[in-house]
Protein backbone atom coordinates (compact mmCIF):
# COMPACT_ATOMS: atom_id res chain seq x y z
CA MET A 1 -18.06 2.74 16.16
CA LEU A 2 -14.48 3.15 14.97
CA THR A 3 -13.07 0.09 13.23
CA GLU A 4 -9.90 -0.55 11.25
CA ILE A 5 -10.83 -1.23 7.64
CA ASN A 6 -8.32 -2.50 5.08
CA PHE A 7 -9.02 -1.03 1.64
CA ASP A 8 -7.31 -3.25 -0.91
CA GLY A 9 -6.44 -1.99 -4.37
CA LEU A 10 -7.89 -4.33 -7.00
CA ILE A 11 -5.15 -5.20 -9.49
CA GLY A 12 -6.11 -3.62 -12.78
CA PRO A 13 -6.42 -5.12 -16.27
CA SER A 14 -3.26 -3.32 -17.47
CA HIS A 15 -0.99 -5.09 -14.91
CA ASN A 16 2.36 -5.63 -16.64
CA TYR A 17 6.08 -5.92 -15.91
CA ALA A 18 7.75 -2.93 -17.54
CA GLY A 19 10.42 -2.54 -14.82
CA LEU A 20 9.63 1.13 -14.18
CA SER A 21 10.70 1.42 -10.54
CA PRO A 22 14.45 1.76 -9.75
CA GLY A 23 15.16 0.56 -6.23
CA ASN A 24 12.33 -1.97 -6.35
CA LEU A 25 14.41 -5.07 -6.97
CA ALA A 26 11.51 -7.35 -7.85
CA ALA A 27 10.08 -4.89 -10.37
CA THR A 28 13.38 -4.31 -12.15
CA GLY A 29 14.37 -7.98 -11.92
CA ASN A 30 11.18 -9.10 -13.69
CA ALA A 31 11.20 -6.39 -16.35
CA GLY A 32 9.99 -7.75 -19.66
CA ALA A 33 8.40 -10.92 -18.27
CA PRO A 34 4.83 -11.76 -19.27
CA SER A 35 2.23 -10.76 -16.69
CA HIS A 36 -1.12 -12.34 -15.89
CA PRO A 37 -3.63 -9.61 -14.96
CA ARG A 38 -6.59 -11.95 -14.49
CA ALA A 39 -4.68 -14.24 -12.14
CA ALA A 40 -3.26 -11.21 -10.32
CA ALA A 41 -6.69 -9.71 -9.64
CA LEU A 42 -8.08 -13.06 -8.52
CA GLU A 43 -5.13 -13.46 -6.13
CA GLY A 44 -6.00 -10.08 -4.65
CA ILE A 45 -9.66 -11.06 -4.30
CA ALA A 46 -8.62 -14.28 -2.55
CA LYS A 47 -6.55 -12.23 -0.11
CA MET A 48 -9.58 -10.06 0.65
CA ARG A 49 -11.64 -13.20 1.24
CA ALA A 50 -8.99 -14.46 3.67
CA ASN A 51 -9.25 -11.17 5.58
CA LEU A 52 -13.02 -11.52 5.77
CA ALA A 53 -12.61 -15.08 7.04
CA LEU A 54 -10.44 -13.72 9.86
CA GLY A 55 -13.30 -11.42 10.85
CA LEU A 56 -11.69 -8.23 9.50
CA ALA A 57 -13.54 -5.34 7.87
CA GLN A 58 -12.68 -5.08 4.19
CA GLY A 59 -12.91 -2.33 1.61
CA ILE A 60 -11.79 -1.97 -1.98
CA LEU A 61 -10.26 0.69 -4.23
CA LEU A 62 -10.75 0.37 -7.98
CA PRO A 63 -8.23 0.40 -10.82
CA GLN A 64 -7.61 3.78 -12.41
CA ALA A 65 -8.29 4.63 -16.05
CA ARG A 66 -5.42 3.27 -18.11
CA PRO A 67 -3.84 4.39 -20.34
CA ASP A 68 -3.88 7.79 -18.66
CA HIS A 69 -4.83 9.82 -21.73
CA ALA A 70 -5.06 13.07 -19.74
CA TRP A 71 -1.42 12.69 -18.67
CA LEU A 72 -0.33 11.99 -22.22
CA THR A 73 -2.30 15.01 -23.44
CA SER A 74 -0.38 17.15 -20.96
CA LEU A 75 2.75 15.89 -22.74
CA ALA A 76 1.20 16.84 -26.09
CA ILE A 77 1.11 13.30 -27.43
CA SER A 78 -1.36 10.47 -27.98
CA TYR A 79 -0.91 6.91 -26.74
CA ALA A 80 -0.48 5.60 -30.29
CA ALA A 81 2.26 8.13 -31.03
CA ALA A 82 4.06 7.86 -27.71
CA ALA A 83 7.45 6.19 -27.33
CA PRO A 84 7.38 2.76 -25.65
CA HIS A 85 8.60 4.09 -22.30
CA LEU A 86 5.79 6.68 -22.23
CA GLN A 87 3.24 4.03 -23.20
CA ALA A 88 4.40 1.86 -20.31
CA GLN A 89 4.25 4.78 -17.86
CA ALA A 90 0.77 5.75 -19.04
CA LEU A 91 -0.44 2.14 -18.75
CA SER A 92 1.02 1.29 -15.34
CA ALA A 93 -1.37 -0.46 -12.95
CA SER A 94 0.69 0.58 -9.90
CA ALA A 95 -2.29 2.31 -8.25
CA MET A 96 -3.18 -1.22 -7.11
CA TRP A 97 -0.71 -0.66 -4.25
CA ALA A 98 -3.15 1.22 -2.07
CA ALA A 99 -0.57 1.73 0.68
CA ASN A 100 0.71 4.53 -1.56
CA ALA A 101 -2.71 6.09 -2.07
CA ALA A 102 -2.65 8.41 0.94
CA THR A 103 -1.58 9.02 4.51
CA VAL A 104 -4.44 8.52 6.97
CA SER A 105 -4.81 10.05 10.44
CA PRO A 106 -7.88 8.77 12.30
CA ALA A 107 -10.18 11.14 14.17
CA PRO A 108 -8.80 10.40 17.68
CA ASP A 109 -5.40 11.80 16.59
CA THR A 110 -6.51 15.04 14.94
CA ALA A 111 -7.30 18.49 16.31
CA ASP A 112 -10.75 18.70 14.69
CA ASN A 113 -11.73 15.08 15.49
CA ARG A 114 -12.10 14.22 11.80
CA CYS A 115 -10.31 11.48 9.88
CA HIS A 116 -7.82 13.18 7.55
CA LEU A 117 -6.48 11.68 4.32
CA THR A 118 -3.76 13.35 2.24
CA VAL A 119 -3.34 11.84 -1.21
CA ALA A 120 0.30 10.94 -1.98
CA ASN A 121 2.02 12.87 -4.77
CA LEU A 122 4.38 9.99 -5.79
CA VAL A 123 6.55 12.47 -7.68
CA THR A 124 9.75 10.40 -7.54
CA MET A 125 8.66 7.92 -10.23
CA PRO A 126 7.18 9.15 -13.54
CA HIS A 127 4.83 6.19 -13.89
CA ARG A 128 3.30 6.93 -10.48
CA SER A 129 3.45 10.72 -10.53
CA HIS A 130 0.16 10.94 -12.46
CA GLU A 131 -1.81 8.64 -10.12
CA TRP A 132 -2.85 11.23 -7.57
CA PRO A 133 -5.73 12.91 -9.49
CA GLY A 134 -7.48 9.55 -9.95
CA THR A 135 -6.78 8.55 -6.37
CA LEU A 136 -8.05 11.87 -5.04
CA ALA A 137 -11.26 11.56 -7.06
CA GLN A 138 -11.86 8.07 -5.70
CA LEU A 139 -11.13 9.00 -2.09
CA ARG A 140 -13.49 11.98 -2.31
CA VAL A 141 -16.30 9.65 -3.38
CA ALA A 142 -15.57 6.95 -0.80
CA PHE A 143 -15.01 9.40 2.07
CA ALA A 144 -17.45 12.17 1.18
CA ASP A 145 -19.03 12.28 4.64
CA PRO A 146 -18.13 15.32 6.79
CA ALA A 147 -16.46 12.91 9.22
CA PHE A 148 -13.53 12.94 6.75
CA ALA A 149 -11.22 15.60 5.38
CA VAL A 150 -9.65 14.52 2.07
CA HIS A 151 -6.71 16.67 0.99
CA GLY A 152 -4.86 17.07 -2.27
CA PRO A 153 -1.14 16.26 -2.51
CA ILE A 154 1.83 17.96 -0.90
CA PRO A 155 3.43 20.01 -3.71
CA ALA A 156 6.51 18.91 -5.59
CA PRO A 157 9.44 18.59 -5.23
CA PHE A 158 8.79 17.10 -1.78
CA GLY A 159 8.19 13.40 -2.40
CA ASP A 160 5.35 11.77 -0.50
CA GLU A 161 4.52 8.07 -0.91
CA GLY A 162 1.69 7.81 1.59
CA ALA A 163 0.99 5.15 4.19
CA ALA A 164 3.91 2.98 3.05
CA ASN A 165 6.12 5.35 5.06
CA HIS A 166 3.69 5.97 7.93
CA MET A 167 2.87 3.93 11.02
CA ARG A 168 0.35 4.47 13.79
CA LEU A 169 0.71 3.01 17.28
CA CYS A 170 -1.96 3.16 19.98
CA ALA A 171 -3.42 1.26 22.92
CA ARG A 172 -6.43 0.35 20.70
CA HIS A 173 -7.52 1.52 17.28
CA GLU A 174 -10.18 3.85 18.65
CA ALA A 175 -7.79 5.50 21.15
CA ALA A 176 -5.52 8.47 20.45
CA GLY A 177 -2.34 7.25 18.81
CA VAL A 178 1.26 8.13 18.09
CA GLU A 179 1.90 8.66 14.39
CA VAL A 180 5.32 7.81 12.99
CA PHE A 181 6.52 9.28 9.69
CA VAL A 182 9.57 7.58 8.15
CA TYR A 183 11.60 9.54 5.60
CA GLY A 184 14.72 8.89 3.54
CA VAL A 185 17.80 11.05 3.10
CA SER A 186 20.06 10.17 0.16
CA GLY A 187 18.96 6.63 -0.61
CA GLY A 188 22.47 5.61 -1.69
CA PRO A 189 22.32 3.92 -5.10
CA PHE A 190 18.51 4.26 -5.21
CA PRO A 191 16.30 7.32 -4.72
CA ALA A 192 14.91 8.05 -1.26
CA ARG A 193 11.22 8.47 -2.03
CA GLN A 194 9.82 10.02 1.15
CA HIS A 195 11.04 13.53 2.03
CA ARG A 196 11.08 14.81 5.57
CA GLU A 197 9.45 18.06 4.46
CA ALA A 198 6.49 16.16 3.01
CA SER A 199 6.02 14.09 6.17
CA ALA A 200 6.13 17.18 8.39
CA ALA A 201 3.64 18.98 6.14
CA VAL A 202 1.17 16.07 6.31
CA ALA A 203 1.44 16.00 10.11
CA ARG A 204 0.70 19.75 10.29
CA ARG A 205 -2.13 19.52 7.78
CA HIS A 206 -3.80 16.74 9.77
CA GLY A 207 -3.61 18.72 12.99
CA LEU A 208 -1.56 16.14 14.86
CA ASP A 209 -0.25 16.72 18.37
CA PRO A 210 3.52 17.38 18.04
CA ALA A 211 4.07 15.49 21.30
CA ARG A 212 2.54 12.40 19.70
CA THR A 213 4.19 12.72 16.29
CA VAL A 214 7.56 11.15 15.50
CA LEU A 215 9.67 11.74 12.40
CA VAL A 216 12.42 9.16 11.92
CA ALA A 217 14.98 8.57 9.17
CA GLN A 218 15.02 5.26 7.33
CA SER A 219 18.36 3.51 7.31
CA GLU A 220 20.51 4.05 4.22
CA ALA A 221 21.38 0.37 4.31
CA ALA A 222 17.72 -0.60 4.11
CA ILE A 223 17.06 1.61 1.08
CA ALA A 224 20.21 0.30 -0.64
CA ALA A 225 19.04 -3.27 0.03
CA GLY A 226 15.77 -2.62 -1.83
CA ALA A 227 13.55 -1.31 0.97
CA PHE A 228 12.25 1.53 -1.16
CA HIS A 229 9.44 2.09 1.38
CA ASN A 230 9.52 1.71 5.15
CA ASP A 231 6.83 -0.99 4.97
CA VAL A 232 9.39 -3.34 3.44
CA VAL A 233 11.32 -3.35 6.75
CA ALA A 234 8.78 -2.39 9.44
CA VAL A 235 5.07 -2.62 10.27
CA ALA A 236 3.02 -1.53 13.29
CA ASN A 237 -0.38 -2.35 14.73
CA GLU A 238 -1.94 -0.98 17.90
CA HIS A 239 0.81 -1.12 20.57
CA VAL A 240 3.19 -3.38 18.57
CA LEU A 241 6.08 -2.33 16.32
CA PHE A 242 7.57 -5.18 14.27
CA ALA A 243 10.80 -4.11 12.56
CA HIS A 244 14.11 -5.27 11.18
CA GLU A 245 17.22 -4.41 13.18
CA HIS A 246 18.46 -2.18 10.34
CA ALA A 247 15.17 -0.49 9.47
CA PHE A 248 16.01 2.91 10.98
CA ALA A 249 19.06 5.18 10.87
CA ASP A 250 19.04 5.74 14.65
CA ARG A 251 17.19 2.74 16.02
CA ASN A 252 17.94 3.38 19.69
CA GLY A 253 17.04 7.05 19.51
CA PHE A 254 13.78 6.28 17.71
CA TYR A 255 12.83 3.55 20.16
CA ALA A 256 13.47 5.87 23.10
CA GLU A 257 11.33 8.61 21.55
CA LEU A 258 8.57 6.14 20.80
CA ARG A 259 8.56 4.72 24.33
CA ALA A 260 8.35 8.24 25.75
CA ALA A 261 5.30 8.99 23.59
CA LEU A 262 3.64 5.57 24.12
CA PRO A 263 4.98 3.81 27.24
CA GLU A 264 2.98 0.64 26.55
CA VAL A 265 4.60 0.10 23.14
CA GLU A 266 5.97 -3.40 22.52
CA ILE A 267 8.85 -3.49 20.06
CA ILE A 268 9.74 -6.73 18.29
CA THR A 269 13.09 -6.37 16.53
CA VAL A 270 14.19 -9.07 14.10
CA PRO A 271 17.99 -9.38 14.40
CA ALA A 272 20.07 -9.17 11.25
CA ASP A 273 22.05 -12.27 12.22
CA ARG A 274 18.82 -14.28 12.01
CA VAL A 275 17.14 -12.57 9.03
CA SER A 276 19.38 -10.51 6.76
CA LEU A 277 18.14 -7.42 4.98
CA ALA A 278 18.42 -9.38 1.74
CA ASP A 279 16.12 -12.12 3.09
CA ALA A 280 13.72 -9.56 4.54
CA VAL A 281 13.41 -7.81 1.17
CA ALA A 282 13.22 -11.02 -0.89
CA SER A 283 10.54 -12.56 1.36
CA TYR A 284 8.64 -9.35 2.16
CA LEU A 285 8.48 -10.50 5.77
CA PHE A 286 7.65 -6.97 6.96
CA ASN A 287 5.36 -6.15 4.05
CA ALA A 288 2.82 -8.21 5.92
CA GLN A 289 -0.48 -7.01 7.28
CA LEU A 290 -0.19 -6.97 11.06
CA VAL A 291 -3.77 -7.07 12.29
CA THR A 292 -5.75 -7.47 15.51
CA LEU A 293 -8.07 -10.47 15.38
CA PRO A 294 -11.64 -10.23 16.73
CA VAL A 295 -10.95 -13.35 18.82
CA GLY A 296 -7.91 -11.69 20.40
CA GLY A 297 -4.22 -11.56 19.64
CA MET A 298 -2.58 -10.44 16.42
CA ALA A 299 -1.89 -12.11 13.10
CA LEU A 300 0.66 -11.55 10.36
CA ILE A 301 -0.78 -11.90 6.86
CA LEU A 302 2.28 -12.91 4.85
CA PRO A 303 3.14 -13.74 1.23
CA GLN A 304 4.06 -17.32 0.33
CA GLU A 305 7.62 -16.13 -0.25
CA ALA A 306 8.00 -15.72 3.53
CA ARG A 307 7.15 -19.38 4.11
CA GLU A 308 9.56 -20.45 1.37
CA ASN A 309 12.51 -18.62 2.96
CA ALA A 310 14.06 -20.94 5.56
CA ALA A 311 15.60 -18.20 7.71
CA VAL A 312 12.42 -16.13 7.76
CA TRP A 313 10.04 -19.01 8.39
CA GLY A 314 12.24 -20.49 11.10
CA TRP A 315 12.33 -17.15 12.94
CA LEU A 316 8.55 -16.76 12.61
CA GLN A 317 7.95 -20.19 14.12
CA GLU A 318 9.91 -19.11 17.19
CA LEU A 319 7.95 -15.84 17.30
CA ILE A 320 4.50 -17.43 17.45
CA ALA A 321 5.67 -20.13 19.86
CA GLY A 322 6.48 -17.44 22.42
CA ASN A 323 4.21 -15.45 24.67
CA GLY A 324 4.15 -12.31 22.55
CA PRO A 325 1.18 -10.61 20.93
CA ILE A 326 1.64 -12.14 17.45
CA ARG A 327 0.02 -15.58 17.64
CA HIS A 328 -1.11 -16.45 14.12
CA LEU A 329 0.44 -16.58 10.63
CA GLU A 330 -1.85 -16.34 7.61
CA VAL A 331 -0.10 -17.07 4.29
CA VAL A 332 -1.57 -15.69 1.07
CA ASP A 333 -0.61 -16.07 -2.58
CA VAL A 334 0.00 -12.69 -4.20
CA ARG A 335 2.80 -13.80 -6.51
CA GLN A 336 1.76 -11.58 -9.41
CA SER A 337 1.93 -8.50 -7.18
CA MET A 338 5.15 -9.70 -5.54
CA ALA A 339 6.80 -10.09 -8.94
CA ASN A 340 6.24 -6.38 -9.49
CA GLY A 341 7.47 -5.46 -6.01
CA GLY A 342 4.36 -5.30 -3.82
CA GLY A 343 3.31 -7.66 -1.02
CA PRO A 344 0.17 -7.93 1.14
CA ALA A 345 0.77 -4.63 2.93
CA CYS A 346 1.39 -2.76 -0.33
CA LEU A 347 -2.04 -3.77 -1.55
CA ARG A 348 -3.98 -2.16 1.30
CA LEU A 349 -4.71 1.23 2.85
CA ARG A 350 -5.67 1.14 6.53
CA VAL A 351 -8.47 3.48 7.61
CA VAL A 352 -9.76 3.64 11.19
CA ALA A 353 -13.30 4.99 10.89
CA ASP A 354 -16.97 4.27 11.43
CA PRO A 355 -18.01 2.06 8.49
CA ALA A 356 -21.43 3.76 8.49
CA MET A 357 -19.71 6.98 7.39
CA ILE A 358 -18.14 5.38 4.29
CA ASP A 359 -19.79 5.04 0.89
CA PRO A 360 -21.04 1.42 1.06
CA ARG A 361 -20.07 0.78 -2.56
CA PHE A 362 -16.43 0.67 -1.36
CA LEU A 363 -17.05 -1.92 1.37
CA VAL A 364 -17.09 -5.58 0.39
CA ASP A 365 -18.34 -8.90 1.64
CA HIS A 366 -18.14 -12.32 -0.03
CA ALA A 367 -21.15 -11.60 -2.24
CA ALA A 368 -19.60 -8.36 -3.51
CA LEU A 369 -16.33 -10.16 -4.17
CA ASP A 370 -18.23 -12.81 -6.13
CA ARG A 371 -19.57 -10.05 -8.42
CA ILE A 372 -16.13 -8.48 -8.81
CA ALA A 373 -14.51 -11.84 -9.53
CA ALA A 374 -17.08 -12.53 -12.25
CA VAL A 375 -16.17 -9.26 -13.99
CA VAL A 376 -12.47 -10.08 -13.71
CA GLU A 377 -12.98 -13.56 -15.15
CA ALA A 378 -14.95 -12.15 -18.07
CA HIS A 379 -12.94 -9.04 -18.93
CA TRP A 380 -9.37 -9.00 -17.55
CA PRO A 381 -6.67 -10.08 -20.04
CA GLU A 382 -5.17 -13.45 -19.25
CA THR A 383 -1.61 -12.55 -20.29
CA ILE A 384 0.22 -9.38 -21.31
CA HIS A 385 3.60 -9.43 -23.04
CA ILE A 386 5.58 -6.21 -23.17
CA ALA A 387 5.24 -6.13 -26.96
CA ASP A 388 1.45 -6.10 -26.49
CA LEU A 389 1.52 -2.60 -24.97
CA ALA A 390 1.45 -1.11 -28.47
CA ASN A 391 -1.54 -3.21 -29.57
CA PRO A 392 -4.74 -1.11 -29.91
CA ALA A 393 -6.88 -4.21 -29.31
CA LEU A 394 -5.29 -4.70 -25.88
CA ILE A 395 -5.86 -1.05 -25.00
CA ASP A 396 -9.54 -1.33 -25.96
CA ARG A 397 -9.92 -4.44 -23.82
CA ILE A 398 -8.26 -2.80 -20.80
CA GLU A 399 -10.55 0.23 -21.02
CA GLN A 400 -13.68 -1.87 -21.50
CA ALA A 401 -12.75 -4.09 -18.55
CA ARG A 402 -12.57 -1.16 -16.14
CA HIS A 403 -15.85 0.26 -17.41
CA ALA A 404 -17.52 -3.12 -16.88
CA LEU A 405 -16.34 -3.20 -13.26
CA ILE A 406 -17.50 0.35 -12.53
CA GLU A 407 -20.91 -0.36 -14.03
CA GLU A 408 -21.22 -3.57 -12.01
CA LEU A 409 -20.49 -1.71 -8.76
CA GLY A 410 -22.52 1.35 -9.72
CA ILE A 411 -19.71 3.82 -9.03
CA VAL A 412 -20.32 5.71 -12.26
CA GLU A 413 -18.70 8.88 -10.89
CA LEU A 414 -15.33 7.24 -11.58
CA ILE A 415 -15.77 6.33 -15.25
CA TYR A 416 -13.83 9.34 -16.52
CA THR A 417 -11.35 9.70 -13.63
C-alpha cells in the first residue's frame, strides 16, 4: 500500500555555524556563533516523535562522514593542512536537510510504474557540492528494492537542489499526480540554485507525463528576500498548494497551468499585505510540513518562529478558523536548524511508497528513536565553537559519534561512505 513517508535527516555531530551559504540569511547572520549539535539532534528527534504522534509514517537518513576526507584528497590536501574555509566546507553537516537529498517521483507518476529518485548535485555551494556521493550510497541502501530506481546526479553546471524546489499535487497520495519543478533565473544579489535545465532533465529521467509536468520560475523578489529554495515560500500536499503571493515570477500563468492539469487543485495564497516576504522568510511559515492526517484534514508542522511572528500567527489563526483543508497547527522546536537556515520542511524528504519495499533499518518508531537518542546523548558534542574546527580531538569525537550510530542501527554498509 502506498503511503507518504517523511524521511528526516538526523542532525550530525559536526553541526556548526560557519556561514557557508550566501543567500541563506539565517546561516550568514549566525556565522561564527557557537552551535549545539547534541541539542540540535535531539530537537530533530523530538520533531520525528511529534510526526509519529500525529499518525504519520516516519523514516530517517543518517549523517554523512565528516570531515569528508575523500573530498579533501581530491583537492590534494589533508584536513589538518587545509585552510579554515576548506575545513569548514569539509565538516559541514548540511546533509541533515534531507529536502535537498533528491527529487522523488512516486510510481503512479512514472512511465515504468517505479518510484524514481535522482540525487541532487548541489553544485552551487562548495560545502554541499560533495554531499551527493554519500547521499547516493545511502539512498541505494534504503531503496534497493526493484520498486525503486535511484539515479546519480544531473551533471554540472546545471544546479539541482532536489525536493526543496519540487512539489507534487494529486487527488490522493496514491493517485497519479502533477509534478511542479521550480527553477531560478538570475537570483538578483544571491545565486539562483535550481536551473531549469536540471529540472527538465529530472522530469525526463523519471519518465513523467509532459501533460502533468509543470516548470515554473521562482520570483526574483523571493530569491532576493532570502528564499534560496522554493520551499521557503511555497509548499504543496495532495490537492492543496500553499504559497506566498510573491513566490512565483508569473503567478497567474502558473496557477492557470496548474488548474488545467489538476482541476481539483485548491490554491491558498498568502497576501503580501498580510505577511511580507521578510516575515515569511524570517518565520519559515512556508518551510512547514503540510501533511494529511489519518483522522482527516491537513496540518501544518511549523517552527516556533512562526508562532512568535505576530503577522504570521495572526494570519494562521484566520486560516484554521475557516472551512479550508488546513485545520491543525503543530509547532515544533528546531531552533538549532533554523539558526543555520533550515526549518521543518528542510529536514525531511517525502517519499510515497510501500513501506514494505523499504529497508526497515531506515524506518523508525518511538523505540528506534529511543536508541538513536541514547547514542546522541552519549556521543554528540554539546557545543562547537568555530575555533574548535581545527581541534583534532573534536574531529575524532565527530567521527566516533557517527560510527557509534551506524553500529547501533546495524547499517554497516555506510561506515565508509
